[in-house]
């Protein structure tokens, strides 16, 4: 199976998580890095999920999933062990053209969650197309250790420059050279090295 890497603007995207256990909580934690427009439906909730719900004032419906619950949402995450329910929600998502991820059931997904590193405005995603989450985890660790601690400061500096200089080839070349110098100097100066 092939997956197209895509970064989605989340400011008008509504997310529904069906499930309230540990796996649902892991997905909730990841999605919270990008939006708080998340609703949870589950007949039970684990303590960690409850903490996230309370801290972020998220809507939580303590009940079982009901047909058509997905209608108002754009992305649906099904984090339950019930394969029949996963299939039902996935089929419903196809009818309504919704993005669906059923945890650990590739047959009932039209997208997957990559491993990712987020440091301020920098997000790096890693995927093995579902072949080995363990490998993705170690690639994430390897790459994460290479990213300088001050990357957010540098990104802000570059953003300010980009917005203050006139568009064109000269700006592109100048910014590219600055980025190249920044990465060449990592390790040479103690402040950039982890």
N, C-alpha and C. Protein backbone atom coordinates (compact mmCIF):
# COMPACT_ATOMS: atom_id res chain seq x y z
N UNK A 1 0.83 -1.18 0.00
CA UNK A 1 0.00 0.00 0.00
C UNK A 1 0.88 1.24 0.00
N UNK A 2 0.49 2.24 -0.76
CA UNK A 2 1.24 3.49 -0.83
C UNK A 2 0.47 4.60 -0.13
N UNK A 3 1.20 5.42 0.62
CA UNK A 3 0.59 6.54 1.33
C UNK A 3 1.25 7.83 0.87
N UNK A 4 0.44 8.83 0.60
CA UNK A 4 0.94 10.14 0.19
C UNK A 4 1.13 11.00 1.43
N UNK A 5 2.34 11.52 1.67
CA UNK A 5 2.55 12.38 2.84
C UNK A 5 1.88 13.73 2.61
N UNK A 6 1.15 14.18 3.59
CA UNK A 6 0.35 15.39 3.44
C UNK A 6 0.29 16.13 4.77
N UNK A 7 0.51 17.43 4.74
CA UNK A 7 0.33 18.24 5.94
C UNK A 7 -0.96 19.01 5.78
N UNK A 8 -1.86 18.84 6.73
CA UNK A 8 -3.21 19.36 6.65
C UNK A 8 -3.35 20.58 7.54
N UNK A 9 -3.91 21.65 7.02
CA UNK A 9 -4.20 22.84 7.82
C UNK A 9 -5.37 22.49 8.74
N UNK A 10 -5.15 22.53 10.04
CA UNK A 10 -6.12 21.98 10.99
C UNK A 10 -7.06 23.01 11.61
N UNK A 11 -6.98 24.27 11.20
CA UNK A 11 -7.78 25.28 11.90
C UNK A 11 -9.28 25.17 11.68
N UNK A 12 -9.73 24.46 10.67
CA UNK A 12 -11.18 24.29 10.46
C UNK A 12 -11.55 22.81 10.33
N UNK A 13 -10.70 21.95 10.84
CA UNK A 13 -10.91 20.50 10.76
C UNK A 13 -11.44 20.01 12.10
N UNK A 14 -12.55 19.30 12.06
CA UNK A 14 -13.14 18.74 13.28
C UNK A 14 -12.81 17.25 13.37
N UNK A 15 -12.32 16.85 14.53
CA UNK A 15 -11.87 15.47 14.73
C UNK A 15 -12.77 14.77 15.73
N UNK A 16 -13.12 13.52 15.41
CA UNK A 16 -13.87 12.66 16.32
C UNK A 16 -13.01 11.46 16.67
N UNK A 17 -12.87 11.18 17.95
CA UNK A 17 -12.21 9.97 18.41
C UNK A 17 -13.26 9.08 19.04
N UNK A 18 -13.37 7.86 18.53
CA UNK A 18 -14.29 6.88 19.10
C UNK A 18 -13.44 5.92 19.93
N UNK A 19 -13.60 5.98 21.23
CA UNK A 19 -12.81 5.16 22.15
C UNK A 19 -12.23 6.01 23.25
N UNK A 20 -12.01 5.39 24.40
CA UNK A 20 -11.50 6.15 25.53
C UNK A 20 -10.40 5.44 26.30
N UNK A 21 -9.80 4.42 25.71
CA UNK A 21 -8.74 3.66 26.37
C UNK A 21 -7.36 4.24 26.10
N UNK A 22 -6.34 3.43 26.35
CA UNK A 22 -4.96 3.88 26.22
C UNK A 22 -4.57 4.23 24.79
N UNK A 23 -5.02 3.42 23.82
CA UNK A 23 -4.68 3.70 22.42
C UNK A 23 -5.37 4.98 21.96
N UNK A 24 -6.63 5.14 22.33
CA UNK A 24 -7.35 6.38 21.99
C UNK A 24 -6.62 7.58 22.59
N UNK A 25 -6.10 7.40 23.79
CA UNK A 25 -5.38 8.48 24.47
C UNK A 25 -4.10 8.83 23.73
N UNK A 26 -3.39 7.82 23.23
CA UNK A 26 -2.17 8.09 22.44
C UNK A 26 -2.50 8.92 21.21
N UNK A 27 -3.58 8.58 20.52
CA UNK A 27 -3.99 9.33 19.33
C UNK A 27 -4.42 10.74 19.72
N UNK A 28 -5.16 10.86 20.81
CA UNK A 28 -5.59 12.17 21.30
C UNK A 28 -4.40 13.07 21.58
N UNK A 29 -3.40 12.50 22.26
CA UNK A 29 -2.20 13.26 22.59
C UNK A 29 -1.52 13.80 21.33
N UNK A 30 -1.42 12.96 20.30
CA UNK A 30 -0.79 13.39 19.05
C UNK A 30 -1.61 14.48 18.36
N UNK A 31 -2.90 14.29 18.28
CA UNK A 31 -3.74 15.27 17.59
C UNK A 31 -3.73 16.61 18.32
N UNK A 32 -3.62 16.58 19.64
CA UNK A 32 -3.58 17.82 20.42
C UNK A 32 -2.36 18.67 20.10
N UNK A 33 -1.32 18.09 19.50
CA UNK A 33 -0.17 18.88 19.05
C UNK A 33 -0.56 19.85 17.94
N UNK A 34 -1.73 19.60 17.30
CA UNK A 34 -2.09 20.38 16.12
C UNK A 34 -3.46 21.05 16.19
N UNK A 35 -4.36 20.56 17.04
CA UNK A 35 -5.69 21.17 17.17
C UNK A 35 -6.34 20.75 18.48
N UNK A 36 -7.30 21.54 18.93
CA UNK A 36 -8.12 21.16 20.08
C UNK A 36 -9.59 20.97 19.67
N UNK A 37 -9.85 21.00 18.38
CA UNK A 37 -11.22 20.79 17.89
C UNK A 37 -11.48 19.28 17.79
N UNK A 38 -11.55 18.65 18.96
CA UNK A 38 -11.63 17.20 19.06
C UNK A 38 -12.79 16.84 19.98
N UNK A 39 -13.59 15.88 19.55
CA UNK A 39 -14.67 15.33 20.36
C UNK A 39 -14.39 13.85 20.58
N UNK A 40 -14.69 13.38 21.78
CA UNK A 40 -14.48 11.97 22.11
C UNK A 40 -15.82 11.34 22.44
N UNK A 41 -16.06 10.15 21.88
CA UNK A 41 -17.24 9.37 22.21
C UNK A 41 -16.77 8.01 22.71
N UNK A 42 -17.20 7.65 23.92
CA UNK A 42 -16.83 6.35 24.48
C UNK A 42 -17.69 6.08 25.71
N UNK A 43 -18.07 4.81 25.91
CA UNK A 43 -18.83 4.49 27.12
C UNK A 43 -17.96 4.50 28.39
N UNK A 44 -16.63 4.58 28.21
CA UNK A 44 -15.71 4.67 29.35
C UNK A 44 -14.53 5.54 28.94
N UNK A 45 -13.79 6.00 29.93
CA UNK A 45 -12.63 6.85 29.65
C UNK A 45 -11.52 6.53 30.66
N UNK A 46 -10.30 6.40 30.18
CA UNK A 46 -9.19 6.16 31.11
C UNK A 46 -8.77 7.48 31.75
N UNK A 47 -8.02 7.39 32.83
CA UNK A 47 -7.66 8.59 33.60
C UNK A 47 -6.86 9.60 32.78
N UNK A 48 -5.89 9.11 31.99
CA UNK A 48 -5.06 10.02 31.20
C UNK A 48 -5.89 10.77 30.16
N UNK A 49 -6.81 10.06 29.49
CA UNK A 49 -7.68 10.73 28.52
C UNK A 49 -8.54 11.78 29.22
N UNK A 50 -9.06 11.43 30.40
CA UNK A 50 -9.87 12.39 31.16
C UNK A 50 -9.07 13.67 31.46
N UNK A 51 -7.79 13.49 31.80
CA UNK A 51 -6.93 14.66 32.07
C UNK A 51 -6.85 15.56 30.83
N UNK A 52 -6.61 14.95 29.66
CA UNK A 52 -6.53 15.75 28.42
C UNK A 52 -7.86 16.42 28.13
N UNK A 53 -8.94 15.71 28.33
CA UNK A 53 -10.28 16.27 28.07
C UNK A 53 -10.53 17.48 28.96
N UNK A 54 -10.24 17.34 30.24
CA UNK A 54 -10.47 18.44 31.19
C UNK A 54 -9.53 19.61 30.93
N UNK A 55 -8.25 19.31 30.72
CA UNK A 55 -7.26 20.37 30.51
C UNK A 55 -7.56 21.20 29.26
N UNK A 56 -8.07 20.54 28.20
CA UNK A 56 -8.32 21.23 26.94
C UNK A 56 -9.79 21.55 26.69
N UNK A 57 -10.63 21.27 27.70
CA UNK A 57 -12.06 21.54 27.62
C UNK A 57 -12.69 20.92 26.36
N UNK A 58 -12.39 19.62 26.16
CA UNK A 58 -12.86 18.92 24.96
C UNK A 58 -14.24 18.32 25.19
N UNK A 59 -15.10 18.33 24.19
CA UNK A 59 -16.40 17.67 24.31
C UNK A 59 -16.21 16.16 24.45
N UNK A 60 -16.92 15.58 25.41
CA UNK A 60 -16.85 14.14 25.65
C UNK A 60 -18.26 13.59 25.86
N UNK A 61 -18.64 12.64 25.02
CA UNK A 61 -19.95 12.00 25.14
C UNK A 61 -19.73 10.60 25.70
N UNK A 62 -20.16 10.37 26.94
CA UNK A 62 -19.95 9.07 27.58
C UNK A 62 -21.10 8.14 27.18
N UNK A 63 -20.90 7.54 26.02
CA UNK A 63 -21.89 6.61 25.48
C UNK A 63 -21.26 5.83 24.33
N UNK A 64 -21.99 4.84 23.84
CA UNK A 64 -21.53 4.10 22.68
C UNK A 64 -21.74 4.93 21.42
N UNK A 65 -20.98 4.59 20.40
CA UNK A 65 -21.10 5.23 19.09
C UNK A 65 -22.48 4.92 18.51
N UNK A 66 -23.09 5.92 17.88
CA UNK A 66 -24.39 5.77 17.22
C UNK A 66 -24.20 6.13 15.75
N UNK A 67 -24.85 5.38 14.86
CA UNK A 67 -24.77 5.68 13.42
C UNK A 67 -25.01 7.16 13.17
N UNK A 68 -24.25 7.71 12.25
CA UNK A 68 -24.30 9.12 11.84
C UNK A 68 -23.60 10.07 12.81
N UNK A 69 -22.97 9.56 13.87
CA UNK A 69 -22.19 10.44 14.75
C UNK A 69 -21.08 11.16 13.99
N UNK A 70 -20.65 10.58 12.87
CA UNK A 70 -19.52 11.16 12.14
C UNK A 70 -19.89 12.35 11.27
N UNK A 71 -21.17 12.58 11.05
CA UNK A 71 -21.61 13.56 10.04
C UNK A 71 -20.98 14.94 10.18
N UNK A 72 -20.77 15.42 11.38
CA UNK A 72 -20.27 16.78 11.60
C UNK A 72 -18.75 16.87 11.66
N UNK A 73 -18.06 15.74 11.43
CA UNK A 73 -16.62 15.70 11.60
C UNK A 73 -15.91 15.46 10.28
N UNK A 74 -14.62 15.83 10.24
CA UNK A 74 -13.81 15.67 9.03
C UNK A 74 -12.88 14.46 9.11
N UNK A 75 -12.35 14.23 10.30
CA UNK A 75 -11.43 13.13 10.54
C UNK A 75 -11.99 12.29 11.68
N UNK A 76 -12.03 10.98 11.46
CA UNK A 76 -12.55 10.07 12.47
C UNK A 76 -11.45 9.08 12.82
N UNK A 77 -11.18 8.94 14.12
CA UNK A 77 -10.22 7.97 14.62
C UNK A 77 -10.99 6.95 15.44
N UNK A 78 -10.93 5.69 15.01
CA UNK A 78 -11.65 4.62 15.70
C UNK A 78 -10.63 3.83 16.50
N UNK A 79 -10.64 4.01 17.81
CA UNK A 79 -9.66 3.37 18.69
C UNK A 79 -10.38 2.43 19.64
N UNK A 80 -11.01 1.41 19.07
CA UNK A 80 -11.71 0.39 19.85
C UNK A 80 -11.28 -0.99 19.36
N UNK A 81 -11.41 -1.98 20.21
CA UNK A 81 -11.03 -3.35 19.83
C UNK A 81 -12.09 -4.06 19.01
N UNK A 82 -13.28 -3.52 18.95
CA UNK A 82 -14.41 -4.13 18.26
C UNK A 82 -14.26 -3.99 16.74
N UNK A 83 -13.83 -5.07 16.08
CA UNK A 83 -13.59 -5.02 14.63
C UNK A 83 -14.87 -4.76 13.84
N UNK A 84 -15.99 -5.25 14.34
CA UNK A 84 -17.27 -5.01 13.66
C UNK A 84 -17.59 -3.52 13.67
N UNK A 85 -17.39 -2.88 14.81
CA UNK A 85 -17.64 -1.44 14.91
C UNK A 85 -16.65 -0.67 14.04
N UNK A 86 -15.39 -1.09 14.02
CA UNK A 86 -14.40 -0.43 13.15
C UNK A 86 -14.87 -0.48 11.69
N UNK A 87 -15.31 -1.64 11.25
CA UNK A 87 -15.76 -1.79 9.87
C UNK A 87 -16.99 -0.93 9.60
N UNK A 88 -17.96 -0.93 10.53
CA UNK A 88 -19.19 -0.14 10.35
C UNK A 88 -18.87 1.35 10.21
N UNK A 89 -18.00 1.85 11.08
CA UNK A 89 -17.65 3.27 11.03
C UNK A 89 -16.88 3.58 9.76
N UNK A 90 -15.96 2.70 9.37
CA UNK A 90 -15.21 2.91 8.14
C UNK A 90 -16.15 2.97 6.93
N UNK A 91 -17.10 2.05 6.85
CA UNK A 91 -18.06 2.05 5.74
C UNK A 91 -18.90 3.32 5.74
N UNK A 92 -19.28 3.77 6.92
CA UNK A 92 -20.03 5.01 7.04
C UNK A 92 -19.18 6.21 6.59
N UNK A 93 -17.90 6.18 6.93
CA UNK A 93 -16.98 7.26 6.51
C UNK A 93 -16.89 7.32 4.99
N UNK A 94 -16.90 6.19 4.33
CA UNK A 94 -16.85 6.17 2.86
C UNK A 94 -18.09 6.84 2.28
N UNK A 95 -19.25 6.59 2.89
CA UNK A 95 -20.50 7.19 2.40
C UNK A 95 -20.44 8.71 2.51
N UNK A 96 -19.88 9.20 3.63
CA UNK A 96 -19.83 10.65 3.88
C UNK A 96 -18.52 11.30 3.44
N UNK A 97 -17.64 10.54 2.78
CA UNK A 97 -16.34 11.05 2.34
C UNK A 97 -15.52 11.65 3.48
N UNK A 98 -15.38 10.88 4.55
CA UNK A 98 -14.62 11.31 5.72
C UNK A 98 -13.30 10.55 5.76
N UNK A 99 -12.28 11.16 6.33
CA UNK A 99 -11.02 10.49 6.57
C UNK A 99 -11.16 9.63 7.81
N UNK A 100 -10.74 8.37 7.72
CA UNK A 100 -10.91 7.43 8.83
C UNK A 100 -9.63 6.66 9.10
N UNK A 101 -9.30 6.56 10.38
CA UNK A 101 -8.20 5.72 10.84
C UNK A 101 -8.74 4.78 11.91
N UNK A 102 -8.71 3.51 11.63
CA UNK A 102 -9.06 2.49 12.63
C UNK A 102 -7.76 1.90 13.13
N UNK A 103 -7.49 2.12 14.39
CA UNK A 103 -6.21 1.76 14.97
C UNK A 103 -5.93 0.26 14.81
N UNK A 104 -4.76 -0.04 14.27
CA UNK A 104 -4.29 -1.42 14.05
C UNK A 104 -5.15 -2.23 13.10
N UNK A 105 -5.94 -1.58 12.26
CA UNK A 105 -6.76 -2.28 11.25
C UNK A 105 -6.62 -1.56 9.92
N UNK A 106 -5.55 -1.86 9.21
CA UNK A 106 -5.24 -1.17 7.96
C UNK A 106 -6.40 -1.28 6.95
N UNK A 107 -7.15 -2.37 7.01
CA UNK A 107 -8.28 -2.54 6.09
C UNK A 107 -9.37 -1.50 6.29
N UNK A 108 -9.41 -0.90 7.48
CA UNK A 108 -10.47 0.07 7.79
C UNK A 108 -9.90 1.47 7.98
N UNK A 109 -8.89 1.78 7.17
CA UNK A 109 -8.25 3.10 7.21
C UNK A 109 -8.11 3.66 5.80
N UNK A 110 -8.28 4.97 5.68
CA UNK A 110 -7.86 5.60 4.44
C UNK A 110 -6.73 6.61 4.71
N UNK A 111 -6.23 6.60 5.95
CA UNK A 111 -4.98 7.31 6.28
C UNK A 111 -4.38 6.65 7.50
N UNK A 112 -3.08 6.87 7.69
CA UNK A 112 -2.40 6.36 8.87
C UNK A 112 -1.70 7.52 9.59
N UNK A 113 -1.36 7.30 10.83
CA UNK A 113 -0.61 8.28 11.61
C UNK A 113 0.88 8.00 11.45
N UNK A 114 1.66 8.95 10.95
CA UNK A 114 3.10 8.72 10.90
C UNK A 114 3.71 8.97 12.28
N UNK A 115 4.89 8.46 12.49
CA UNK A 115 5.68 8.91 13.63
C UNK A 115 6.12 10.33 13.25
N UNK A 116 6.25 11.20 14.22
CA UNK A 116 6.68 12.56 13.87
C UNK A 116 7.47 13.20 15.00
N UNK A 117 8.23 14.20 14.59
CA UNK A 117 9.00 15.03 15.51
C UNK A 117 8.45 16.44 15.35
N UNK A 118 8.13 17.09 16.45
CA UNK A 118 7.63 18.47 16.37
C UNK A 118 8.46 19.32 17.33
N UNK A 119 9.18 20.26 16.75
CA UNK A 119 9.94 21.22 17.54
C UNK A 119 9.55 22.61 17.05
N UNK A 120 8.65 23.25 17.78
CA UNK A 120 8.14 24.55 17.34
C UNK A 120 7.47 24.41 15.99
N UNK A 121 7.89 25.22 15.04
CA UNK A 121 7.30 25.21 13.71
C UNK A 121 7.81 24.10 12.80
N UNK A 122 8.80 23.34 13.26
CA UNK A 122 9.34 22.26 12.46
C UNK A 122 8.61 20.96 12.80
N UNK A 123 8.07 20.32 11.76
CA UNK A 123 7.46 19.00 11.93
C UNK A 123 8.07 18.08 10.88
N UNK A 124 8.60 16.97 11.34
CA UNK A 124 9.17 15.97 10.46
C UNK A 124 8.38 14.69 10.68
N UNK A 125 7.81 14.14 9.61
CA UNK A 125 7.05 12.90 9.76
C UNK A 125 7.81 11.73 9.14
N UNK A 126 7.59 10.56 9.74
CA UNK A 126 8.29 9.35 9.31
C UNK A 126 7.25 8.24 9.15
N UNK A 127 7.29 7.56 8.02
CA UNK A 127 6.36 6.45 7.81
C UNK A 127 7.08 5.29 7.14
N UNK A 128 6.70 4.10 7.51
CA UNK A 128 7.17 2.89 6.83
C UNK A 128 5.99 2.27 6.07
N UNK A 129 4.97 3.09 5.80
CA UNK A 129 3.74 2.63 5.13
C UNK A 129 3.08 1.48 5.88
N UNK A 130 3.20 1.53 7.20
CA UNK A 130 2.58 0.52 8.05
C UNK A 130 3.37 -0.76 8.18
N UNK A 131 4.53 -0.85 7.53
CA UNK A 131 5.31 -2.10 7.55
C UNK A 131 5.99 -2.36 8.88
N UNK A 132 6.49 -1.30 9.53
CA UNK A 132 7.19 -1.51 10.79
C UNK A 132 7.18 -0.24 11.64
N UNK A 133 6.17 -0.10 12.51
CA UNK A 133 6.17 1.03 13.44
C UNK A 133 7.44 1.07 14.30
N UNK A 134 8.02 -0.10 14.58
CA UNK A 134 9.25 -0.14 15.39
C UNK A 134 10.39 0.56 14.67
N UNK A 135 10.52 0.33 13.37
CA UNK A 135 11.56 1.01 12.59
C UNK A 135 11.30 2.51 12.56
N UNK A 136 10.06 2.90 12.34
CA UNK A 136 9.71 4.34 12.32
C UNK A 136 10.09 5.00 13.64
N UNK A 137 9.84 4.30 14.73
CA UNK A 137 10.17 4.82 16.07
C UNK A 137 11.67 5.09 16.19
N UNK A 138 12.51 4.18 15.69
CA UNK A 138 13.96 4.36 15.80
C UNK A 138 14.49 5.41 14.83
N UNK A 139 13.88 5.51 13.66
CA UNK A 139 14.26 6.57 12.72
C UNK A 139 13.91 7.93 13.33
N UNK A 140 12.75 8.00 13.97
CA UNK A 140 12.32 9.23 14.65
C UNK A 140 13.35 9.65 15.70
N UNK A 141 13.78 8.68 16.51
CA UNK A 141 14.77 8.97 17.56
C UNK A 141 16.08 9.45 16.93
N UNK A 142 16.52 8.76 15.89
CA UNK A 142 17.78 9.10 15.23
C UNK A 142 17.73 10.53 14.67
N UNK A 143 16.67 10.84 13.92
CA UNK A 143 16.55 12.17 13.33
C UNK A 143 16.36 13.23 14.41
N UNK A 144 15.55 12.91 15.42
CA UNK A 144 15.30 13.86 16.51
C UNK A 144 16.57 14.30 17.21
N UNK A 145 17.51 13.38 17.36
CA UNK A 145 18.78 13.71 18.00
C UNK A 145 19.65 14.62 17.14
N UNK A 146 19.40 14.65 15.85
CA UNK A 146 20.19 15.48 14.94
C UNK A 146 19.67 16.92 14.83
N UNK A 147 18.44 17.14 15.24
CA UNK A 147 17.83 18.48 15.11
C UNK A 147 18.33 19.37 16.24
N UNK A 148 18.88 20.53 15.90
CA UNK A 148 19.42 21.43 16.93
C UNK A 148 18.33 21.93 17.89
N UNK A 149 18.73 22.16 19.14
CA UNK A 149 17.79 22.67 20.14
C UNK A 149 17.26 24.06 19.79
N UNK A 150 18.07 24.85 19.08
CA UNK A 150 17.65 26.23 18.79
C UNK A 150 16.96 26.37 17.43
N UNK A 151 16.43 25.26 16.90
CA UNK A 151 15.82 25.30 15.57
C UNK A 151 14.64 26.29 15.52
N UNK A 152 13.86 26.39 16.59
CA UNK A 152 12.71 27.30 16.58
C UNK A 152 13.16 28.74 16.47
N UNK A 153 14.23 29.10 17.16
CA UNK A 153 14.77 30.47 17.06
C UNK A 153 15.21 30.75 15.62
N UNK A 154 15.89 29.77 15.02
CA UNK A 154 16.35 29.95 13.65
C UNK A 154 15.17 30.05 12.68
N UNK A 155 14.17 29.24 12.87
CA UNK A 155 12.98 29.31 12.02
C UNK A 155 12.30 30.68 12.12
N UNK A 156 12.20 31.21 13.33
CA UNK A 156 11.60 32.55 13.50
C UNK A 156 12.43 33.62 12.81
N UNK A 157 13.75 33.51 12.94
CA UNK A 157 14.66 34.45 12.27
C UNK A 157 14.46 34.40 10.76
N UNK A 158 14.41 33.17 10.22
CA UNK A 158 14.22 33.00 8.77
C UNK A 158 12.85 33.51 8.32
N UNK A 159 11.84 33.29 9.12
CA UNK A 159 10.49 33.76 8.80
C UNK A 159 10.45 35.28 8.73
N UNK A 160 11.08 35.93 9.70
CA UNK A 160 11.13 37.40 9.71
C UNK A 160 11.85 37.93 8.48
N UNK A 161 12.99 37.31 8.16
CA UNK A 161 13.72 37.72 6.96
C UNK A 161 12.88 37.53 5.70
N UNK A 162 12.27 36.37 5.59
CA UNK A 162 11.47 36.03 4.40
C UNK A 162 10.34 37.05 4.20
N UNK A 163 9.74 37.49 5.32
CA UNK A 163 8.64 38.44 5.23
C UNK A 163 9.11 39.87 5.00
N UNK A 164 10.39 40.16 5.27
CA UNK A 164 10.87 41.53 5.12
C UNK A 164 11.59 41.78 3.79
N UNK A 165 11.99 40.72 3.12
CA UNK A 165 12.72 40.88 1.85
C UNK A 165 11.77 40.76 0.67
N UNK A 166 12.07 41.46 -0.41
CA UNK A 166 11.22 41.34 -1.60
C UNK A 166 11.33 39.95 -2.23
N UNK A 167 10.20 39.45 -2.72
CA UNK A 167 10.18 38.13 -3.35
C UNK A 167 11.08 38.12 -4.58
N UNK A 168 11.57 36.93 -4.88
CA UNK A 168 12.38 36.80 -6.09
C UNK A 168 13.53 35.84 -5.90
N UNK A 169 14.28 35.68 -6.96
CA UNK A 169 15.38 34.73 -6.99
C UNK A 169 16.46 35.09 -5.96
N UNK A 170 16.74 36.38 -5.80
CA UNK A 170 17.78 36.80 -4.86
C UNK A 170 17.41 36.41 -3.44
N UNK A 171 16.13 36.62 -3.07
CA UNK A 171 15.68 36.25 -1.72
C UNK A 171 15.82 34.74 -1.52
N UNK A 172 15.40 33.97 -2.52
CA UNK A 172 15.49 32.50 -2.41
C UNK A 172 16.93 32.05 -2.19
N UNK A 173 17.83 32.61 -2.97
CA UNK A 173 19.24 32.22 -2.86
C UNK A 173 19.83 32.65 -1.52
N UNK A 174 19.50 33.86 -1.08
CA UNK A 174 20.01 34.37 0.19
C UNK A 174 19.54 33.49 1.35
N UNK A 175 18.26 33.17 1.39
CA UNK A 175 17.71 32.35 2.46
C UNK A 175 18.25 30.92 2.41
N UNK A 176 18.43 30.41 1.21
CA UNK A 176 19.00 29.07 1.06
C UNK A 176 20.43 29.03 1.59
N UNK A 177 21.21 30.07 1.29
CA UNK A 177 22.59 30.15 1.78
C UNK A 177 22.63 30.24 3.31
N UNK A 178 21.72 31.04 3.90
CA UNK A 178 21.67 31.14 5.36
C UNK A 178 21.35 29.78 6.00
N UNK A 179 20.39 29.07 5.42
CA UNK A 179 20.02 27.75 5.94
C UNK A 179 21.20 26.79 5.81
N UNK A 180 21.88 26.84 4.69
CA UNK A 180 23.03 25.97 4.48
C UNK A 180 24.12 26.25 5.52
N UNK A 181 24.41 27.52 5.75
CA UNK A 181 25.41 27.90 6.75
C UNK A 181 25.02 27.42 8.15
N UNK A 182 23.75 27.59 8.47
CA UNK A 182 23.26 27.17 9.78
C UNK A 182 23.55 25.68 10.02
N UNK A 183 23.20 24.86 9.04
CA UNK A 183 23.40 23.42 9.21
C UNK A 183 24.86 23.01 9.11
N UNK A 184 25.66 23.74 8.34
CA UNK A 184 27.09 23.43 8.28
C UNK A 184 27.79 23.74 9.59
N UNK A 185 27.26 24.73 10.33
CA UNK A 185 27.89 25.14 11.58
C UNK A 185 27.46 24.31 12.79
N UNK A 186 26.50 23.43 12.61
CA UNK A 186 26.07 22.59 13.72
C UNK A 186 27.25 21.70 14.13
N UNK A 187 27.53 21.70 15.39
CA UNK A 187 28.65 20.89 15.89
C UNK A 187 29.93 21.68 15.97
N UNK A 188 30.08 22.69 15.11
CA UNK A 188 31.28 23.52 15.17
C UNK A 188 31.19 24.50 16.32
N UNK A 189 29.93 24.93 16.58
CA UNK A 189 29.71 25.84 17.69
C UNK A 189 28.95 25.07 18.77
N UNK A 190 29.36 25.15 19.99
CA UNK A 190 28.74 24.43 21.08
C UNK A 190 27.26 24.75 21.28
N UNK A 191 26.84 25.97 20.91
CA UNK A 191 25.43 26.35 21.18
C UNK A 191 24.46 25.59 20.30
N UNK A 192 24.85 25.15 19.12
CA UNK A 192 23.91 24.45 18.24
C UNK A 192 23.88 22.95 18.50
N UNK A 193 24.93 22.46 19.13
CA UNK A 193 25.02 21.01 19.32
C UNK A 193 24.24 20.58 20.54
N UNK A 194 23.56 19.45 20.43
CA UNK A 194 22.79 18.93 21.57
C UNK A 194 23.73 18.36 22.61
